PDB file of all heavy atoms in Angstrom:
ATOM      1  N   THR A   1     -36.981  13.668  85.199  1.00  0.00           N
ATOM      2  CA  THR A   1     -36.721  14.734  84.208  1.00  0.00           C
ATOM      3  C   THR A   1     -37.521  14.483  82.923  1.00  0.00           C
ATOM      4  O   THR A   1     -38.127  15.340  82.322  1.00  0.00           O
ATOM      5  CB  THR A   1     -35.180  14.738  83.844  1.00  0.00           C
ATOM      6  OG1 THR A   1     -34.478  14.971  85.013  1.00  0.00           O
ATOM      7  CG2 THR A   1     -34.872  15.812  82.887  1.00  0.00           C
ATOM      8  N   TYR A   2     -37.633  13.195  82.548  1.00  0.00           N
ATOM      9  CA  TYR A   2     -38.363  12.926  81.338  1.00  0.00           C
ATOM     10  C   TYR A   2     -39.892  13.050  81.572  1.00  0.00           C
ATOM     11  O   TYR A   2     -40.606  13.530  80.707  1.00  0.00           O
ATOM     12  CB  TYR A   2     -38.080  11.410  80.902  1.00  0.00           C
ATOM     13  CG  TYR A   2     -38.776  11.077  79.616  1.00  0.00           C
ATOM     14  CD1 TYR A   2     -38.285  11.493  78.396  1.00  0.00           C
ATOM     15  CD2 TYR A   2     -39.895  10.200  79.609  1.00  0.00           C
ATOM     16  CE1 TYR A   2     -38.974  11.186  77.205  1.00  0.00           C
ATOM     17  CE2 TYR A   2     -40.534   9.900  78.460  1.00  0.00           C
ATOM     18  CZ  TYR A   2     -40.121  10.329  77.294  1.00  0.00           C
ATOM     19  OH  TYR A   2     -40.707   9.998  76.070  1.00  0.00           O
ATOM     20  N   ALA A   3     -40.378  12.702  82.780  1.00  0.00           N
ATOM     21  CA  ALA A   3     -41.806  12.773  82.962  1.00  0.00           C
ATOM     22  C   ALA A   3     -42.343  14.234  82.959  1.00  0.00           C
ATOM     23  O   ALA A   3     -43.454  14.532  82.588  1.00  0.00           O
ATOM     24  CB  ALA A   3     -42.175  12.193  84.354  1.00  0.00           C
ATOM     25  N   ARG A   4     -41.535  15.135  83.461  1.00  0.00           N
ATOM     26  CA  ARG A   4     -41.943  16.590  83.475  1.00  0.00           C
ATOM     27  C   ARG A   4     -43.312  16.777  84.049  1.00  0.00           C
ATOM     28  O   ARG A   4     -44.236  17.255  83.453  1.00  0.00           O
ATOM     29  CB  ARG A   4     -41.832  17.221  82.093  1.00  0.00           C
ATOM     30  CG  ARG A   4     -40.443  17.171  81.563  1.00  0.00           C
ATOM     31  CD  ARG A   4     -40.420  17.875  80.147  1.00  0.00           C
ATOM     32  NE  ARG A   4     -41.432  17.326  79.268  1.00  0.00           N
ATOM     33  CZ  ARG A   4     -41.205  17.005  77.991  1.00  0.00           C
ATOM     34  NH1 ARG A   4     -39.993  17.130  77.461  1.00  0.00           N
ATOM     35  NH2 ARG A   4     -42.060  16.465  77.296  1.00  0.00           N
ATOM     36  N   CYS A   5     -43.474  16.407  85.328  1.00  0.00           N
ATOM     37  CA  CYS A   5     -44.712  16.385  85.971  1.00  0.00           C
ATOM     38  C   CYS A   5     -45.444  17.744  85.885  1.00  0.00           C
ATOM     39  O   CYS A   5     -44.814  18.743  85.967  1.00  0.00           O
ATOM     40  CB  CYS A   5     -44.620  15.974  87.477  1.00  0.00           C
ATOM     41  SG  CYS A   5     -43.998  14.275  87.681  1.00  0.00           S
ATOM     42  N   ASN A   6     -46.802  17.686  85.770  1.00  0.00           N
ATOM     43  CA  ASN A   6     -47.626  18.884  85.843  1.00  0.00           C
ATOM     44  C   ASN A   6     -47.339  19.840  84.711  1.00  0.00           C
ATOM     45  O   ASN A   6     -47.653  21.056  84.831  1.00  0.00           O
ATOM     46  CB  ASN A   6     -47.618  19.540  87.197  1.00  0.00           C
ATOM     47  CG  ASN A   6     -47.959  18.662  88.281  1.00  0.00           C
ATOM     48  OD1 ASN A   6     -48.940  17.854  88.167  1.00  0.00           O
ATOM     49  ND2 ASN A   6     -47.251  18.591  89.348  1.00  0.00           N
ATOM     50  N   ARG A   7     -46.746  19.446  83.634  1.00  0.00           N
ATOM     51  CA  ARG A   7     -46.536  20.318  82.456  1.00  0.00           C
ATOM     52  C   ARG A   7     -47.292  19.915  81.273  1.00  0.00           C
ATOM     53  O   ARG A   7     -47.509  18.735  81.027  1.00  0.00           O
ATOM     54  CB  ARG A   7     -45.060  20.353  82.128  1.00  0.00           C
ATOM     55  CG  ARG A   7     -44.114  20.996  83.158  1.00  0.00           C
ATOM     56  CD  ARG A   7     -42.789  21.150  82.679  1.00  0.00           C
ATOM     57  NE  ARG A   7     -41.869  21.559  83.705  1.00  0.00           N
ATOM     58  CZ  ARG A   7     -40.556  21.474  83.627  1.00  0.00           C
ATOM     59  NH1 ARG A   7     -39.958  20.992  82.561  1.00  0.00           N
ATOM     60  NH2 ARG A   7     -39.900  21.887  84.646  1.00  0.00           N
ATOM     61  N   LYS A   8     -47.777  20.910  80.511  1.00  0.00           N
ATOM     62  CA  LYS A   8     -48.475  20.559  79.267  1.00  0.00           C
ATOM     63  C   LYS A   8     -47.600  19.835  78.263  1.00  0.00           C
ATOM     64  O   LYS A   8     -46.315  20.070  78.234  1.00  0.00           O
ATOM     65  CB  LYS A   8     -48.966  21.864  78.619  1.00  0.00           C
ATOM     66  CG  LYS A   8     -50.045  22.525  79.447  1.00  0.00           C
ATOM     67  CD  LYS A   8     -50.507  23.820  78.771  1.00  0.00           C
ATOM     68  CE  LYS A   8     -51.555  24.565  79.589  1.00  0.00           C
ATOM     69  NZ  LYS A   8     -52.022  25.762  78.980  1.00  0.00           N
ATOM     70  N   ASN A   9     -48.127  18.932  77.502  1.00  0.00           N
ATOM     71  CA  ASN A   9     -47.451  18.203  76.509  1.00  0.00           C
ATOM     72  C   ASN A   9     -46.332  17.337  77.082  1.00  0.00           C
ATOM     73  O   ASN A   9     -45.372  17.011  76.344  1.00  0.00           O
ATOM     74  CB  ASN A   9     -46.873  19.093  75.375  1.00  0.00           C
ATOM     75  CG  ASN A   9     -47.992  19.919  74.692  1.00  0.00           C
ATOM     76  OD1 ASN A   9     -49.082  19.315  74.517  1.00  0.00           O
ATOM     77  ND2 ASN A   9     -47.707  21.137  74.438  1.00  0.00           N
ATOM     78  N   ALA A  10     -46.429  16.983  78.302  1.00  0.00           N
ATOM     79  CA  ALA A  10     -45.452  16.049  78.921  1.00  0.00           C
ATOM     80  C   ALA A  10     -45.757  14.658  78.473  1.00  0.00           C
ATOM     81  O   ALA A  10     -46.892  14.273  78.082  1.00  0.00           O
ATOM     82  CB  ALA A  10     -45.531  16.197  80.496  1.00  0.00           C
ATOM     83  N   PRO A  11     -44.776  13.710  78.565  1.00  0.00           N
ATOM     84  CA  PRO A  11     -44.949  12.385  77.971  1.00  0.00           C
ATOM     85  C   PRO A  11     -46.056  11.607  78.558  1.00  0.00           C
ATOM     86  O   PRO A  11     -46.659  10.793  77.946  1.00  0.00           O
ATOM     87  CB  PRO A  11     -43.591  11.736  78.304  1.00  0.00           C
ATOM     88  CG  PRO A  11     -42.620  12.818  78.385  1.00  0.00           C
ATOM     89  CD  PRO A  11     -43.380  13.977  78.900  1.00  0.00           C
ATOM     90  N   TYR A  12     -46.304  11.704  79.947  1.00  0.00           N
ATOM     91  CA  TYR A  12     -47.309  11.017  80.615  1.00  0.00           C
ATOM     92  C   TYR A  12     -48.487  11.847  80.979  1.00  0.00           C
ATOM     93  O   TYR A  12     -49.126  11.754  82.047  1.00  0.00           O
ATOM     94  CB  TYR A  12     -46.737  10.303  81.833  1.00  0.00           C
ATOM     95  CG  TYR A  12     -45.444   9.583  81.616  1.00  0.00           C
ATOM     96  CD1 TYR A  12     -44.339   9.938  82.314  1.00  0.00           C
ATOM     97  CD2 TYR A  12     -45.358   8.596  80.640  1.00  0.00           C
ATOM     98  CE1 TYR A  12     -43.057   9.293  82.033  1.00  0.00           C
ATOM     99  CE2 TYR A  12     -44.038   7.916  80.337  1.00  0.00           C
ATOM    100  CZ  TYR A  12     -43.010   8.332  81.130  1.00  0.00           C
ATOM    101  OH  TYR A  12     -41.841   7.725  80.815  1.00  0.00           O
ATOM    102  N   SER A  13     -48.808  12.828  80.093  1.00  0.00           N
ATOM    103  CA  SER A  13     -49.862  13.807  80.338  1.00  0.00           C
ATOM    104  C   SER A  13     -49.693  14.531  81.628  1.00  0.00           C
ATOM    105  O   SER A  13     -50.607  14.910  82.296  1.00  0.00           O
ATOM    106  CB  SER A  13     -51.223  13.090  80.301  1.00  0.00           C
ATOM    107  OG  SER A  13     -51.410  12.458  79.093  1.00  0.00           O
ATOM    108  N   GLY A  14     -48.457  14.776  82.074  1.00  0.00           N
ATOM    109  CA  GLY A  14     -48.145  15.486  83.239  1.00  0.00           C
ATOM    110  C   GLY A  14     -48.036  14.702  84.505  1.00  0.00           C
ATOM    111  O   GLY A  14     -47.819  15.163  85.561  1.00  0.00           O
ATOM    112  N   ALA A  15     -48.346  13.372  84.386  1.00  0.00           N
ATOM    113  CA  ALA A  15     -48.293  12.523  85.559  1.00  0.00           C
ATOM    114  C   ALA A  15     -46.923  11.950  85.841  1.00  0.00           C
ATOM    115  O   ALA A  15     -46.048  11.931  84.980  1.00  0.00           O
ATOM    116  CB  ALA A  15     -49.235  11.336  85.324  1.00  0.00           C
ATOM    117  N   PRO A  16     -46.557  11.549  87.064  1.00  0.00           N
ATOM    118  CA  PRO A  16     -45.240  10.983  87.351  1.00  0.00           C
ATOM    119  C   PRO A  16     -45.092   9.663  86.660  1.00  0.00           C
ATOM    120  O   PRO A  16     -46.115   9.034  86.188  1.00  0.00           O
ATOM    121  CB  PRO A  16     -45.363  10.748  88.846  1.00  0.00           C
ATOM    122  CG  PRO A  16     -46.458  11.571  89.329  1.00  0.00           C
ATOM    123  CD  PRO A  16     -47.419  11.763  88.243  1.00  0.00           C
ATOM    124  N   HIS A  17     -43.929   9.223  86.461  1.00  0.00           N
ATOM    125  CA  HIS A  17     -43.529   7.916  85.888  1.00  0.00           C
ATOM    126  C   HIS A  17     -43.992   6.823  86.908  1.00  0.00           C
ATOM    127  O   HIS A  17     -43.585   6.901  88.040  1.00  0.00           O
ATOM    128  CB  HIS A  17     -42.084   7.839  85.571  1.00  0.00           C
ATOM    129  CG  HIS A  17     -41.708   6.610  84.720  1.00  0.00           C
ATOM    130  ND1 HIS A  17     -40.662   5.833  85.145  1.00  0.00           N
ATOM    131  CD2 HIS A  17     -42.131   6.138  83.609  1.00  0.00           C
ATOM    132  CE1 HIS A  17     -40.485   4.878  84.253  1.00  0.00           C
ATOM    133  NE2 HIS A  17     -41.405   5.076  83.336  1.00  0.00           N
ATOM    134  N   ASN A  18     -44.746   5.805  86.467  1.00  0.00           N
ATOM    135  CA  ASN A  18     -45.322   4.814  87.435  1.00  0.00           C
ATOM    136  C   ASN A  18     -44.497   3.612  87.668  1.00  0.00           C
ATOM    137  O   ASN A  18     -45.005   2.634  88.198  1.00  0.00           O
ATOM    138  CB  ASN A  18     -46.751   4.424  86.953  1.00  0.00           C
ATOM    139  CG  ASN A  18     -46.646   3.569  85.729  1.00  0.00           C
ATOM    140  OD1 ASN A  18     -45.707   3.518  85.009  1.00  0.00           O
ATOM    141  ND2 ASN A  18     -47.704   2.775  85.505  1.00  0.00           N
ATOM    142  N   GLY A  19     -43.276   3.613  87.291  1.00  0.00           N
ATOM    143  CA  GLY A  19     -42.392   2.490  87.450  1.00  0.00           C
ATOM    144  C   GLY A  19     -40.965   2.800  87.295  1.00  0.00           C
ATOM    145  O   GLY A  19     -40.633   3.944  87.316  1.00  0.00           O
ATOM    146  N   ILE A  20     -40.174   1.813  86.945  1.00  0.00           N
ATOM    147  CA  ILE A  20     -38.740   2.013  86.684  1.00  0.00           C
ATOM    148  C   ILE A  20     -38.446   1.402  85.304  1.00  0.00           C
ATOM    149  O   ILE A  20     -39.087   0.342  84.999  1.00  0.00           O
ATOM    150  CB  ILE A  20     -37.842   1.426  87.801  1.00  0.00           C
ATOM    151  CG1 ILE A  20     -37.996   0.006  88.056  1.00  0.00           C
ATOM    152  CG2 ILE A  20     -37.991   2.250  89.113  1.00  0.00           C
ATOM    153  CD1 ILE A  20     -36.975  -0.675  88.977  1.00  0.00           C
ATOM    154  N   ASP A  21     -37.572   1.977  84.598  1.00  0.00           N
ATOM    155  CA  ASP A  21     -37.171   1.369  83.303  1.00  0.00           C
ATOM    156  C   ASP A  21     -35.760   0.832  83.432  1.00  0.00           C
ATOM    157  O   ASP A  21     -34.872   1.521  84.026  1.00  0.00           O
ATOM    158  CB  ASP A  21     -37.128   2.496  82.187  1.00  0.00           C
ATOM    159  CG  ASP A  21     -38.554   2.974  81.903  1.00  0.00           C
ATOM    160  OD1 ASP A  21     -39.537   2.246  82.273  1.00  0.00           O
ATOM    161  OD2 ASP A  21     -38.675   4.067  81.294  1.00  0.00           O
ATOM    162  N   MET A  22     -35.482  -0.339  82.852  1.00  0.00           N
ATOM    163  CA  MET A  22     -34.221  -0.997  82.936  1.00  0.00           C
ATOM    164  C   MET A  22     -33.852  -1.531  81.556  1.00  0.00           C
ATOM    165  O   MET A  22     -34.773  -1.991  80.884  1.00  0.00           O
ATOM    166  CB  MET A  22     -34.168  -2.120  83.931  1.00  0.00           C
ATOM    167  CG  MET A  22     -34.519  -1.743  85.328  1.00  0.00           C
ATOM    168  SD  MET A  22     -34.868  -3.094  86.357  1.00  0.00           S
ATOM    169  CE  MET A  22     -36.598  -3.478  85.952  1.00  0.00           C
ATOM    170  N   ALA A  23     -32.640  -1.435  81.134  1.00  0.00           N
ATOM    171  CA  ALA A  23     -32.210  -1.860  79.780  1.00  0.00           C
ATOM    172  C   ALA A  23     -30.989  -2.850  79.890  1.00  0.00           C
ATOM    173  O   ALA A  23     -30.051  -2.543  80.581  1.00  0.00           O
ATOM    174  CB  ALA A  23     -31.884  -0.720  78.883  1.00  0.00           C
ATOM    175  N   SER A  24     -31.235  -4.037  79.304  1.00  0.00           N
ATOM    176  CA  SER A  24     -30.099  -4.979  79.263  1.00  0.00           C
ATOM    177  C   SER A  24     -29.740  -5.404  77.852  1.00  0.00           C
ATOM    178  O   SER A  24     -28.776  -6.115  77.602  1.00  0.00           O
ATOM    179  CB  SER A  24     -30.485  -6.287  80.009  1.00  0.00           C
ATOM    180  OG  SER A  24     -30.539  -6.079  81.406  1.00  0.00           O
ATOM    181  N   GLY A  25     -30.608  -4.890  76.931  1.00  0.00           N
ATOM    182  CA  GLY A  25     -30.352  -5.229  75.549  1.00  0.00           C
ATOM    183  C   GLY A  25     -31.613  -6.012  74.948  1.00  0.00           C
ATOM    184  O   GLY A  25     -32.070  -6.891  75.613  1.00  0.00           O
ATOM    185  N   TYR A  26     -31.866  -5.739  73.692  1.00  0.00           N
ATOM    186  CA  TYR A  26     -33.026  -6.405  73.087  1.00  0.00           C
ATOM    187  C   TYR A  26     -32.931  -7.889  73.175  1.00  0.00           C
ATOM    188  O   TYR A  26     -31.882  -8.452  72.886  1.00  0.00           O
ATOM    189  CB  TYR A  26     -33.163  -5.876  71.642  1.00  0.00           C
ATOM    190  CG  TYR A  26     -34.416  -6.375  70.976  1.00  0.00           C
ATOM    191  CD1 TYR A  26     -35.493  -5.549  71.019  1.00  0.00           C
ATOM    192  CD2 TYR A  26     -34.431  -7.594  70.320  1.00  0.00           C
ATOM    193  CE1 TYR A  26     -36.728  -5.993  70.405  1.00  0.00           C
ATOM    194  CE2 TYR A  26     -35.659  -8.041  69.709  1.00  0.00           C
ATOM    195  CZ  TYR A  26     -36.747  -7.270  69.773  1.00  0.00           C
ATOM    196  OH  TYR A  26     -37.982  -7.652  69.188  1.00  0.00           O
ATOM    197  N   GLY A  27     -34.000  -8.491  73.607  1.00  0.00           N
ATOM    198  CA  GLY A  27     -34.027  -9.941  73.629  1.00  0.00           C
ATOM    199  C   GLY A  27     -33.563 -10.598  74.969  1.00  0.00           C
ATOM    200  O   GLY A  27     -33.584 -11.760  75.210  1.00  0.00           O
ATOM    201  N   SER A  28     -32.990  -9.648  75.896  1.00  0.00           N
ATOM    202  CA  SER A  28     -32.528 -10.199  77.159  1.00  0.00           C
ATOM    203  C   SER A  28     -33.817 -10.738  77.871  1.00  0.00           C
ATOM    204  O   SER A  28     -34.931 -10.230  77.792  1.00  0.00           O
ATOM    205  CB  SER A  28     -31.982  -9.074  78.036  1.00  0.00           C
ATOM    206  OG  SER A  28     -30.821  -8.557  77.428  1.00  0.00           O
ATOM    207  N   SER A  29     -33.593 -11.843  78.666  1.00  0.00           N
ATOM    208  CA  SER A  29     -34.646 -12.445  79.461  1.00  0.00           C
ATOM    209  C   SER A  29     -35.161 -11.604  80.549  1.00  0.00           C
ATOM    210  O   SER A  29     -34.413 -10.862  81.212  1.00  0.00           O
ATOM    211  CB  SER A  29     -34.216 -13.803  79.917  1.00  0.00           C
ATOM    212  OG  SER A  29     -33.099 -13.724  80.819  1.00  0.00           O
ATOM    213  N   ILE A  30     -36.474 -11.649  80.768  1.00  0.00           N
ATOM    214  CA  ILE A  30     -37.097 -10.923  81.888  1.00  0.00           C
ATOM    215  C   ILE A  30     -37.590 -12.034  82.870  1.00  0.00           C
ATOM    216  O   ILE A  30     -38.223 -13.013  82.535  1.00  0.00           O
ATOM    217  CB  ILE A  30     -38.333 -10.186  81.375  1.00  0.00           C
ATOM    218  CG1 ILE A  30     -37.909  -9.038  80.394  1.00  0.00           C
ATOM    219  CG2 ILE A  30     -39.187  -9.545  82.529  1.00  0.00           C
ATOM    220  CD1 ILE A  30     -39.072  -8.467  79.612  1.00  0.00           C
ATOM    221  N   HIS A  31     -37.307 -11.803  84.142  1.00  0.00           N
ATOM    222  CA  HIS A  31     -37.536 -12.754  85.235  1.00  0.00           C
ATOM    223  C   HIS A  31     -38.560 -12.119  86.215  1.00  0.00           C
ATOM    224  O   HIS A  31     -38.482 -11.005  86.546  1.00  0.00           O
ATOM    225  CB  HIS A  31     -36.246 -13.062  85.998  1.00  0.00           C
ATOM    226  CG  HIS A  31     -35.148 -13.621  85.097  1.00  0.00           C
ATOM    227  ND1 HIS A  31     -34.927 -14.865  84.872  1.00  0.00           N
ATOM    228  CD2 HIS A  31     -34.304 -12.929  84.260  1.00  0.00           C
ATOM    229  CE1 HIS A  31     -33.872 -15.091  84.018  1.00  0.00           C
ATOM    230  NE2 HIS A  31     -33.488 -13.848  83.629  1.00  0.00           N
TER     231      HIS A  31
END
């Protein structure tokens, strides 16, 4: 929904999102 593929002025220039986003809280360790 956020990527809005193939649309003008989309966040990734109309391309699909190339990964996954995860949130655990600022400063949480990344493994």
